[in-house]
Amino acid sequence: MAFDFLRRLFGGARAADEPDPASVVEYRGYRILPLVRAQGGQYLTCALIEKDFPDGPKRHELIRADTHASPDDAKAFAVQKARQVIDEQGDRLFR
């Protein structure tokens, strides 16, 4: 389900930098999927935040201007930032 959304978001076939199921982080009933998005030789802080609701799953794309030297650093910070956003906004994130 999340990967279908990513394919539509990024157009077409699975991209090499698309998260694999092992990269999904569960946090307080939410799923965090860190993404890698290159920009000018650096990597942006990006993630999808998902949660299942009775009427179906909802998703929020988190993109921040923070840049990192490596994809792994960007992913780790994206998970940290996503947890912070979840703690601050909870389900309001999907409005």
PDB file of N, CA and C in Angstrom:
ATOM      1  N   MET A   1       0.816  -1.192   0.000  1.00  0.00           N
ATOM      2  CA  MET A   1       0.000   0.000   0.000  1.00  0.00           C
ATOM      3  C   MET A   1       0.862   1.258   0.000  1.00  0.00           C
ATOM      4  N   ALA A   2       1.824   1.364   0.889  1.00  0.00           N
ATOM      5  CA  ALA A   2       2.685   2.553   0.895  1.00  0.00           C
ATOM      6  C   ALA A   2       3.543   2.597  -0.352  1.00  0.00           C
ATOM      7  N   PHE A   3       3.949   1.428  -0.814  1.00  0.00           N
ATOM      8  CA  PHE A   3       4.835   1.411  -1.968  1.00  0.00           C
ATOM      9  C   PHE A   3       4.093   1.781  -3.243  1.00  0.00           C
ATOM     10  N   ASP A   4       2.803   1.447  -3.329  1.00  0.00           N
ATOM     11  CA  ASP A   4       2.000   1.892  -4.471  1.00  0.00           C
ATOM     12  C   ASP A   4       1.916   3.407  -4.482  1.00  0.00           C
ATOM     13  N   PHE A   5       1.722   3.983  -3.319  1.00  0.00           N
ATOM     14  CA  PHE A   5       1.670   5.437  -3.202  1.00  0.00           C
ATOM     15  C   PHE A   5       2.990   6.047  -3.652  1.00  0.00           C
ATOM     16  N   LEU A   6       4.093   5.458  -3.229  1.00  0.00           N
ATOM     17  CA  LEU A   6       5.406   5.968  -3.619  1.00  0.00           C
ATOM     18  C   LEU A   6       5.606   5.880  -5.121  1.00  0.00           C
ATOM     19  N   ARG A   7       5.162   4.795  -5.717  1.00  0.00           N
ATOM     20  CA  ARG A   7       5.300   4.665  -7.169  1.00  0.00           C
ATOM     21  C   ARG A   7       4.537   5.763  -7.884  1.00  0.00           C
ATOM     22  N   ARG A   8       3.323   6.037  -7.413  1.00  0.00           N
ATOM     23  CA  ARG A   8       2.540   7.120  -8.015  1.00  0.00           C
ATOM     24  C   ARG A   8       3.195   8.466  -7.763  1.00  0.00           C
ATOM     25  N   LEU A   9       3.723   8.654  -6.552  1.00  0.00           N
ATOM     26  CA  LEU A   9       4.336   9.920  -6.180  1.00  0.00           C
ATOM     27  C   LEU A   9       5.578  10.205  -7.015  1.00  0.00           C
ATOM     28  N   PHE A  10       6.400   9.189  -7.223  1.00  0.00           N
ATOM     29  CA  PHE A  10       7.647   9.383  -7.939  1.00  0.00           C
ATOM     30  C   PHE A  10       7.579   8.940  -9.393  1.00  0.00           C
ATOM     31  N   GLY A  11       6.428   8.450  -9.823  1.00  0.00           N
ATOM     32  CA  GLY A  11       6.220   8.139 -11.223  1.00  0.00           C
ATOM     33  C   GLY A  11       6.818   6.826 -11.692  1.00  0.00           C
ATOM     34  N   GLY A  12       5.988   5.811 -11.801  1.00  0.00           N
ATOM     35  CA  GLY A  12       6.408   4.593 -12.471  1.00  0.00           C
ATOM     36  C   GLY A  12       6.965   3.524 -11.578  1.00  0.00           C
ATOM     37  N   ALA A  13       7.995   2.878 -12.074  1.00  0.00           N
ATOM     38  CA  ALA A  13       8.561   1.710 -11.410  1.00  0.00           C
ATOM     39  C   ALA A  13       9.244   2.082 -10.107  1.00  0.00           C
ATOM     40  N   ARG A  14       9.488   1.074  -9.332  1.00  0.00           N
ATOM     41  CA  ARG A  14      10.152   1.267  -8.041  1.00  0.00           C
ATOM     42  C   ARG A  14      11.527   1.896  -8.237  1.00  0.00           C
ATOM     43  N   ALA A  15      11.767   2.969  -7.532  1.00  0.00           N
ATOM     44  CA  ALA A  15      13.055   3.662  -7.615  1.00  0.00           C
ATOM     45  C   ALA A  15      14.070   2.961  -6.725  1.00  0.00           C
ATOM     46  N   ALA A  16      15.342   3.125  -7.047  1.00  0.00           N
ATOM     47  CA  ALA A  16      16.402   2.497  -6.266  1.00  0.00           C
ATOM     48  C   ALA A  16      16.424   3.016  -4.834  1.00  0.00           C
ATOM     49  N   ASP A  17      15.990   4.271  -4.623  1.00  0.00           N
ATOM     50  CA  ASP A  17      16.036   4.844  -3.280  1.00  0.00           C
ATOM     51  C   ASP A  17      14.716   4.708  -2.526  1.00  0.00           C
ATOM     52  N   GLU A  18      13.770   3.976  -3.079  1.00  0.00           N
ATOM     53  CA  GLU A  18      12.491   3.756  -2.412  1.00  0.00           C
ATOM     54  C   GLU A  18      12.720   2.847  -1.206  1.00  0.00           C
ATOM     55  N   PRO A  19      12.049   3.095  -0.089  1.00  0.00           N
ATOM     56  CA  PRO A  19      12.298   2.285   1.105  1.00  0.00           C
ATOM     57  C   PRO A  19      11.848   0.847   0.910  1.00  0.00           C
ATOM     58  N   ASP A  20      12.578  -0.063   1.504  1.00  0.00           N
ATOM     59  CA  ASP A  20      12.164  -1.454   1.486  1.00  0.00           C
ATOM     60  C   ASP A  20      11.417  -1.719   2.791  1.00  0.00           C
ATOM     61  N   PRO A  21      10.693  -2.832   2.863  1.00  0.00           N
ATOM     62  CA  PRO A  21       9.918  -3.108   4.078  1.00  0.00           C
ATOM     63  C   PRO A  21      10.751  -3.106   5.364  1.00  0.00           C
ATOM     64  N   ALA A  22      12.041  -3.414   5.264  1.00  0.00           N
ATOM     65  CA  ALA A  22      12.899  -3.431   6.451  1.00  0.00           C
ATOM     66  C   ALA A  22      13.160  -2.031   6.995  1.00  0.00           C
ATOM     67  N   SER A  23      12.943  -0.989   6.191  1.00  0.00           N
ATOM     68  CA  SER A  23      13.226   0.369   6.648  1.00  0.00           C
ATOM     69  C   SER A  23      12.043   1.010   7.371  1.00  0.00           C
ATOM     70  N   VAL A  24      10.900   0.344   7.395  1.00  0.00           N
ATOM     71  CA  VAL A  24       9.720   0.885   8.060  1.00  0.00           C
ATOM     72  C   VAL A  24       9.918   0.849   9.570  1.00  0.00           C
ATOM     73  N   VAL A  25       9.634   1.977  10.220  1.00  0.00           N
ATOM     74  CA  VAL A  25       9.745   2.079  11.676  1.00  0.00           C
ATOM     75  C   VAL A  25       8.340   2.241  12.246  1.00  0.00           C
ATOM     76  N   GLU A  26       7.966   1.374  13.166  1.00  0.00           N
ATOM     77  CA  GLU A  26       6.677   1.486  13.863  1.00  0.00           C
ATOM     78  C   GLU A  26       6.867   2.384  15.077  1.00  0.00           C
ATOM     79  N   TYR A  27       5.936   3.331  15.253  1.00  0.00           N
ATOM     80  CA  TYR A  27       6.034   4.251  16.387  1.00  0.00           C
ATOM     81  C   TYR A  27       4.635   4.679  16.805  1.00  0.00           C
ATOM     82  N   ARG A  28       4.205   4.264  17.998  1.00  0.00           N
ATOM     83  CA  ARG A  28       2.929   4.659  18.593  1.00  0.00           C
ATOM     84  C   ARG A  28       1.741   4.467  17.654  1.00  0.00           C
ATOM     85  N   GLY A  29       1.730   3.375  16.914  1.00  0.00           N
ATOM     86  CA  GLY A  29       0.629   3.071  16.014  1.00  0.00           C
ATOM     87  C   GLY A  29       0.770   3.689  14.628  1.00  0.00           C
ATOM     88  N   TYR A  30       1.846   4.376  14.383  1.00  0.00           N
ATOM     89  CA  TYR A  30       2.138   4.980  13.082  1.00  0.00           C
ATOM     90  C   TYR A  30       3.273   4.203  12.429  1.00  0.00           C
ATOM     91  N   ARG A  31       3.350   4.283  11.107  1.00  0.00           N
ATOM     92  CA  ARG A  31       4.471   3.742  10.365  1.00  0.00           C
ATOM     93  C   ARG A  31       5.257   4.911   9.776  1.00  0.00           C
ATOM     94  N   ILE A  32       6.557   4.870   9.954  1.00  0.00           N
ATOM     95  CA  ILE A  32       7.444   5.894   9.398  1.00  0.00           C
ATOM     96  C   ILE A  32       8.294   5.212   8.330  1.00  0.00           C
ATOM     97  N   LEU A  33       8.243   5.753   7.110  1.00  0.00           N
ATOM     98  CA  LEU A  33       9.028   5.221   5.998  1.00  0.00           C
ATOM     99  C   LEU A  33      10.034   6.293   5.581  1.00  0.00           C
ATOM    100  N   PRO A  34      11.278   6.200   6.040  1.00  0.00           N
ATOM    101  CA  PRO A  34      12.265   7.211   5.650  1.00  0.00           C
ATOM    102  C   PRO A  34      12.548   7.131   4.158  1.00  0.00           C
ATOM    103  N   LEU A  35      12.667   8.280   3.524  1.00  0.00           N
ATOM    104  CA  LEU A  35      12.940   8.361   2.085  1.00  0.00           C
ATOM    105  C   LEU A  35      14.281   9.043   1.866  1.00  0.00           C
ATOM    106  N   VAL A  36      14.888   8.756   0.739  1.00  0.00           N
ATOM    107  CA  VAL A  36      16.129   9.420   0.364  1.00  0.00           C
ATOM    108  C   VAL A  36      15.821  10.311  -0.828  1.00  0.00           C
ATOM    109  N   ARG A  37      16.101  11.583  -0.673  1.00  0.00           N
ATOM    110  CA  ARG A  37      15.889  12.539  -1.757  1.00  0.00           C
ATOM    111  C   ARG A  37      17.129  13.412  -1.853  1.00  0.00           C
ATOM    112  N   ALA A  38      17.864  13.244  -2.963  1.00  0.00           N
ATOM    113  CA  ALA A  38      19.101  13.994  -3.169  1.00  0.00           C
ATOM    114  C   ALA A  38      18.794  15.411  -3.628  1.00  0.00           C
ATOM    115  N   GLN A  39      19.621  16.345  -3.156  1.00  0.00           N
ATOM    116  CA  GLN A  39      19.509  17.736  -3.586  1.00  0.00           C
ATOM    117  C   GLN A  39      20.885  18.382  -3.485  1.00  0.00           C
ATOM    118  N   GLY A  40      21.447  18.716  -4.632  1.00  0.00           N
ATOM    119  CA  GLY A  40      22.722  19.419  -4.663  1.00  0.00           C
ATOM    120  C   GLY A  40      23.861  18.718  -3.949  1.00  0.00           C
ATOM    121  N   GLY A  41      23.980  17.417  -4.108  1.00  0.00           N
ATOM    122  CA  GLY A  41      25.061  16.677  -3.466  1.00  0.00           C
ATOM    123  C   GLY A  41      24.812  16.350  -2.009  1.00  0.00           C
ATOM    124  N   GLN A  42      23.689  16.756  -1.481  1.00  0.00           N
ATOM    125  CA  GLN A  42      23.286  16.460  -0.101  1.00  0.00           C
ATOM    126  C   GLN A  42      21.988  15.655  -0.150  1.00  0.00           C
ATOM    127  N   TYR A  43      21.457  15.302   1.007  1.00  0.00           N
ATOM    128  CA  TYR A  43      20.229  14.517   1.096  1.00  0.00           C
ATOM    129  C   TYR A  43      19.257  15.204   2.039  1.00  0.00           C
ATOM    130  N   LEU A  44      18.017  15.381   1.574  1.00  0.00           N
ATOM    131  CA  LEU A  44      16.982  16.050   2.364  1.00  0.00           C
ATOM    132  C   LEU A  44      16.394  15.117   3.411  1.00  0.00           C
ATOM    133  N   THR A  45      15.808  15.711   4.433  1.00  0.00           N
ATOM    134  CA  THR A  45      15.054  14.986   5.443  1.00  0.00           C
ATOM    135  C   THR A  45      13.655  14.753   4.888  1.00  0.00           C
ATOM    136  N   CYS A  46      13.321  13.500   4.562  1.00  0.00           N
ATOM    137  CA  CYS A  46      12.016  13.160   3.989  1.00  0.00           C
ATOM    138  C   CYS A  46      11.533  11.827   4.559  1.00  0.00           C
ATOM    139  N   ALA A  47      10.227  11.741   4.762  1.00  0.00           N
ATOM    140  CA  ALA A  47       9.632  10.488   5.221  1.00  0.00           C
ATOM    141  C   ALA A  47       8.144  10.508   4.923  1.00  0.00           C
ATOM    142  N   LEU A  48       7.563   9.336   4.839  1.00  0.00           N
ATOM    143  CA  LEU A  48       6.115   9.194   4.812  1.00  0.00           C
ATOM    144  C   LEU A  48       5.704   8.727   6.199  1.00  0.00           C
ATOM    145  N   ILE A  49       4.640   9.321   6.702  1.00  0.00           N
ATOM    146  CA  ILE A  49       4.058   8.896   7.974  1.00  0.00           C
ATOM    147  C   ILE A  49       2.687   8.334   7.637  1.00  0.00           C
ATOM    148  N   GLU A  50       2.423   7.111   8.059  1.00  0.00           N
ATOM    149  CA  GLU A  50       1.163   6.442   7.763  1.00  0.00           C
ATOM    150  C   GLU A  50       0.502   5.964   9.047  1.00  0.00           C
ATOM    151  N   LYS A  51      -0.823   5.860   8.969  1.00  0.00           N
ATOM    152  CA  LYS A  51      -1.578   5.257  10.069  1.00  0.00           C
ATOM    153  C   LYS A  51      -2.852   4.674   9.489  1.00  0.00           C
ATOM    154  N   ASP A  52      -3.254   3.514  10.007  1.00  0.00           N
ATOM    155  CA  ASP A  52      -4.490   2.879   9.571  1.00  0.00           C
ATOM    156  C   ASP A  52      -5.650   3.416  10.385  1.00  0.00           C
ATOM    157  N   PHE A  53      -6.744   3.736   9.683  1.00  0.00           N
ATOM    158  CA  PHE A  53      -7.984   4.200  10.294  1.00  0.00           C
ATOM    159  C   PHE A  53      -9.115   3.303   9.819  1.00  0.00           C
ATOM    160  N   PRO A  54     -10.280   3.327  10.482  1.00  0.00           N
ATOM    161  CA  PRO A  54     -11.400   2.487  10.047  1.00  0.00           C
ATOM    162  C   PRO A  54     -11.781   2.701   8.573  1.00  0.00           C
ATOM    163  N   ASP A  55     -11.611   3.924   8.075  1.00  0.00           N
ATOM    164  CA  ASP A  55     -11.964   4.193   6.675  1.00  0.00           C
ATOM    165  C   ASP A  55     -10.776   4.006   5.730  1.00  0.00           C
ATOM    166  N   GLY A  56      -9.674   3.462   6.216  1.00  0.00           N
ATOM    167  CA  GLY A  56      -8.509   3.180   5.375  1.00  0.00           C
ATOM    168  C   GLY A  56      -7.271   3.900   5.865  1.00  0.00           C
ATOM    169  N   PRO A  57      -6.125   3.568   5.284  1.00  0.00           N
ATOM    170  CA  PRO A  57      -4.878   4.195   5.709  1.00  0.00           C
ATOM    171  C   PRO A  57      -4.791   5.651   5.265  1.00  0.00           C
ATOM    172  N   LYS A  58      -4.119   6.452   6.063  1.00  0.00           N
ATOM    173  CA  LYS A  58      -3.866   7.851   5.711  1.00  0.00           C
ATOM    174  C   LYS A  58      -2.356   8.061   5.719  1.00  0.00           C
ATOM    175  N   ARG A  59      -1.909   8.987   4.854  1.00  0.00           N
ATOM    176  CA  ARG A  59      -0.476   9.234   4.707  1.00  0.00           C
ATOM    177  C   ARG A  59      -0.179  10.722   4.736  1.00  0.00           C
ATOM    178  N   HIS A  60       0.975  11.049   5.273  1.00  0.00           N
ATOM    179  CA  HIS A  60       1.461  12.429   5.274  1.00  0.00           C
ATOM    180  C   HIS A  60       2.917  12.398   4.833  1.00  0.00           C
ATOM    181  N   GLU A  61       3.268  13.253   3.884  1.00  0.00           N
ATOM    182  CA  GLU A  61       4.658  13.331   3.441  1.00  0.00           C
ATOM    183  C   GLU A  61       5.355  14.430   4.228  1.00  0.00           C
ATOM    184  N   LEU A  62       6.422  14.066   4.898  1.00  0.00           N
ATOM    185  CA  LEU A  62       7.226  14.990   5.683  1.00  0.00           C
ATOM    186  C   LEU A  62       8.458  15.360   4.868  1.00  0.00           C
ATOM    187  N   ILE A  63       8.633  16.638   4.595  1.00  0.00           N
ATOM    188  CA  ILE A  63       9.817  17.123   3.891  1.00  0.00           C
ATOM    189  C   ILE A  63      10.324  18.339   4.657  1.00  0.00           C
ATOM    190  N   ARG A  64      11.585  18.304   5.010  1.00  0.00           N
ATOM    191  CA  ARG A  64      12.215  19.410   5.708  1.00  0.00           C
ATOM    192  C   ARG A  64      13.416  19.891   4.906  1.00  0.00           C
ATOM    193  N   ALA A  65      13.817  21.111   5.121  1.00  0.00           N
ATOM    194  CA  ALA A  65      14.937  21.700   4.389  1.00  0.00           C
ATOM    195  C   ALA A  65      16.288  21.230   4.909  1.00  0.00           C
ATOM    196  N   ASP A  66      16.309  20.531   6.039  1.00  0.00           N
ATOM    197  CA  ASP A  66      17.578  20.037   6.589  1.00  0.00           C
ATOM    198  C   ASP A  66      18.271  19.138   5.570  1.00  0.00           C
ATOM    199  N   THR A  67      19.572  19.310   5.398  1.00  0.00           N
ATOM    200  CA  THR A  67      20.324  18.447   4.496  1.00  0.00           C
ATOM    201  C   THR A  67      21.406  17.699   5.268  1.00  0.00           C
ATOM    202  N   HIS A  68      21.795  16.566   4.696  1.00  0.00           N
ATOM    203  CA  HIS A  68      22.750  15.673   5.346  1.00  0.00           C
ATOM    204  C   HIS A  68      23.757  15.178   4.319  1.00  0.00           C
ATOM    205  N   ALA A  69      24.928  14.821   4.778  1.00  0.00           N
ATOM    206  CA  ALA A  69      25.999  14.387   3.885  1.00  0.00           C
ATOM    207  C   ALA A  69      25.787  12.981   3.339  1.00  0.00           C
ATOM    208  N   SER A  70      25.064  12.145   4.074  1.00  0.00           N
ATOM    209  CA  SER A  70      24.872  10.759   3.614  1.00  0.00           C
ATOM    210  C   SER A  70      23.394  10.378   3.659  1.00  0.00           C
ATOM    211  N   PRO A  71      23.008   9.404   2.828  1.00  0.00           N
ATOM    212  CA  PRO A  71      21.627   8.929   2.866  1.00  0.00           C
ATOM    213  C   PRO A  71      21.253   8.347   4.230  1.00  0.00           C
ATOM    214  N   ASP A  72      22.187   7.636   4.864  1.00  0.00           N
ATOM    215  CA  ASP A  72      21.895   7.039   6.169  1.00  0.00           C
ATOM    216  C   ASP A  72      21.637   8.103   7.232  1.00  0.00           C
ATOM    217  N   ASP A  73      22.418   9.184   7.200  1.00  0.00           N
ATOM    218  CA  ASP A  73      22.191  10.285   8.148  1.00  0.00           C
ATOM    219  C   ASP A  73      20.827  10.925   7.900  1.00  0.00           C
ATOM    220  N   ALA A  74      20.474  11.099   6.628  1.00  0.00           N
ATOM    221  CA  ALA A  74      19.180  11.700   6.286  1.00  0.00           C
ATOM    222  C   ALA A  74      18.031  10.819   6.764  1.00  0.00           C
ATOM    223  N   LYS A  75      18.151   9.508   6.573  1.00  0.00           N
ATOM    224  CA  LYS A  75      17.102   8.583   7.014  1.00  0.00           C
ATOM    225  C   LYS A  75      16.950   8.612   8.536  1.00  0.00           C
ATOM    226  N   ALA A  76      18.076   8.563   9.251  1.00  0.00           N
ATOM    227  CA  ALA A  76      18.027   8.561  10.716  1.00  0.00           C
ATOM    228  C   ALA A  76      17.380   9.834  11.237  1.00  0.00           C
ATOM    229  N   PHE A  77      17.734  10.974  10.660  1.00  0.00           N
ATOM    230  CA  PHE A  77      17.154  12.233  11.108  1.00  0.00           C
ATOM    231  C   PHE A  77      15.678  12.307  10.730  1.00  0.00           C
ATOM    232  N   ALA A  78      15.303  11.748   9.573  1.00  0.00           N
ATOM    233  CA  ALA A  78      13.903  11.742   9.151  1.00  0.00           C
ATOM    234  C   ALA A  78      13.040  10.968  10.152  1.00  0.00           C
ATOM    235  N   VAL A  79      13.544   9.845  10.634  1.00  0.00           N
ATOM    236  CA  VAL A  79      12.797   9.062  11.626  1.00  0.00           C
ATOM    237  C   VAL A  79      12.661   9.860  12.917  1.00  0.00           C
ATOM    238  N   GLN A  80      13.749  10.482  13.351  1.00  0.00           N
ATOM    239  CA  GLN A  80      13.713  11.303  14.570  1.00  0.00           C
ATOM    240  C   GLN A  80      12.711  12.447  14.418  1.00  0.00           C
ATOM    241  N   LYS A  81      12.734  13.135  13.278  1.00  0.00           N
ATOM    242  CA  LYS A  81      11.830  14.266  13.042  1.00  0.00           C
ATOM    243  C   LYS A  81      10.378  13.788  12.949  1.00  0.00           C
ATOM    244  N   ALA A  82      10.159  12.658  12.295  1.00  0.00           N
ATOM    245  CA  ALA A  82       8.807  12.114  12.184  1.00  0.00           C
ATOM    246  C   ALA A  82       8.240  11.773  13.565  1.00  0.00           C
ATOM    247  N   ARG A  83       9.060  11.201  14.427  1.00  0.00           N
ATOM    248  CA  ARG A  83       8.602  10.907  15.797  1.00  0.00           C
ATOM    249  C   ARG A  83       8.209  12.193  16.518  1.00  0.00           C
ATOM    250  N   GLN A  84       8.995  13.234  16.345  1.00  0.00           N
ATOM    251  CA  GLN A  84       8.687  14.522  16.970  1.00  0.00           C
ATOM    252  C   GLN A  84       7.356  15.075  16.451  1.00  0.00           C
ATOM    253  N   VAL A  85       7.144  15.012  15.153  1.00  0.00           N
ATOM    254  CA  VAL A  85       5.900  15.509  14.551  1.00  0.00           C
ATOM    255  C   VAL A  85       4.705  14.696  15.053  1.00  0.00           C
ATOM    256  N   ILE A  86       4.859  13.388  15.143  1.00  0.00           N
ATOM    257  CA  ILE A  86       3.788  12.536  15.662  1.00  0.00           C
ATOM    258  C   ILE A  86       3.466  12.918  17.100  1.00  0.00           C
ATOM    259  N   ASP A  87       4.497  13.107  17.929  1.00  0.00           N
ATOM    260  CA  ASP A  87       4.280  13.483  19.332  1.00  0.00           C
ATOM    261  C   ASP A  87       3.567  14.826  19.444  1.00  0.00           C
ATOM    262  N   GLU A  88       3.915  15.767  18.568  1.00  0.00           N
ATOM    263  CA  GLU A  88       3.335  17.106  18.644  1.00  0.00           C
ATOM    264  C   GLU A  88       1.932  17.194  18.036  1.00  0.00           C
ATOM    265  N   GLN A  89       1.697  16.490  16.925  1.00  0.00           N
ATOM    266  CA  GLN A  89       0.450  16.675  16.181  1.00  0.00           C
ATOM    267  C   GLN A  89      -0.501  15.486  16.230  1.00  0.00           C
ATOM    268  N   GLY A  90       0.012  14.295  16.437  1.00  0.00           N
ATOM    269  CA  GLY A  90      -0.845  13.121  16.460  1.00  0.00           C
ATOM    270  C   GLY A  90      -1.655  12.998  15.177  1.00  0.00           C
ATOM    271  N   ASP A  91      -2.918  12.614  15.314  1.00  0.00           N
ATOM    272  CA  ASP A  91      -3.782  12.392  14.151  1.00  0.00           C
ATOM    273  C   ASP A  91      -4.137  13.683  13.395  1.00  0.00           C
ATOM    274  N   ARG A  92      -3.911  14.842  14.007  1.00  0.00           N
ATOM    275  CA  ARG A  92      -4.165  16.109  13.287  1.00  0.00           C
ATOM    276  C   ARG A  92      -3.270  16.204  12.044  1.00  0.00           C
ATOM    277  N   LEU A  93      -2.234  15.447  12.033  1.00  0.00           N
ATOM    278  CA  LEU A  93      -1.309  15.406  10.905  1.00  0.00           C
ATOM    279  C   LEU A  93      -2.020  15.098   9.591  1.00  0.00           C
ATOM    280  N   PHE A  94      -3.118  14.367   9.651  1.00  0.00           N
ATOM    281  CA  PHE A  94      -3.801  13.900   8.453  1.00  0.00           C
ATOM    282  C   PHE A  94      -4.985  14.774   8.037  1.00  0.00           C
ATOM    283  N   ARG A  95      -5.184  15.884   8.657  1.00  0.00           N
ATOM    284  CA  ARG A  95      -6.312  16.767   8.289  1.00  0.00           C
ATOM    285  C   ARG A  95      -6.033  17.509   7.034  1.00  0.00           C
TER     286      ARG A  95
END
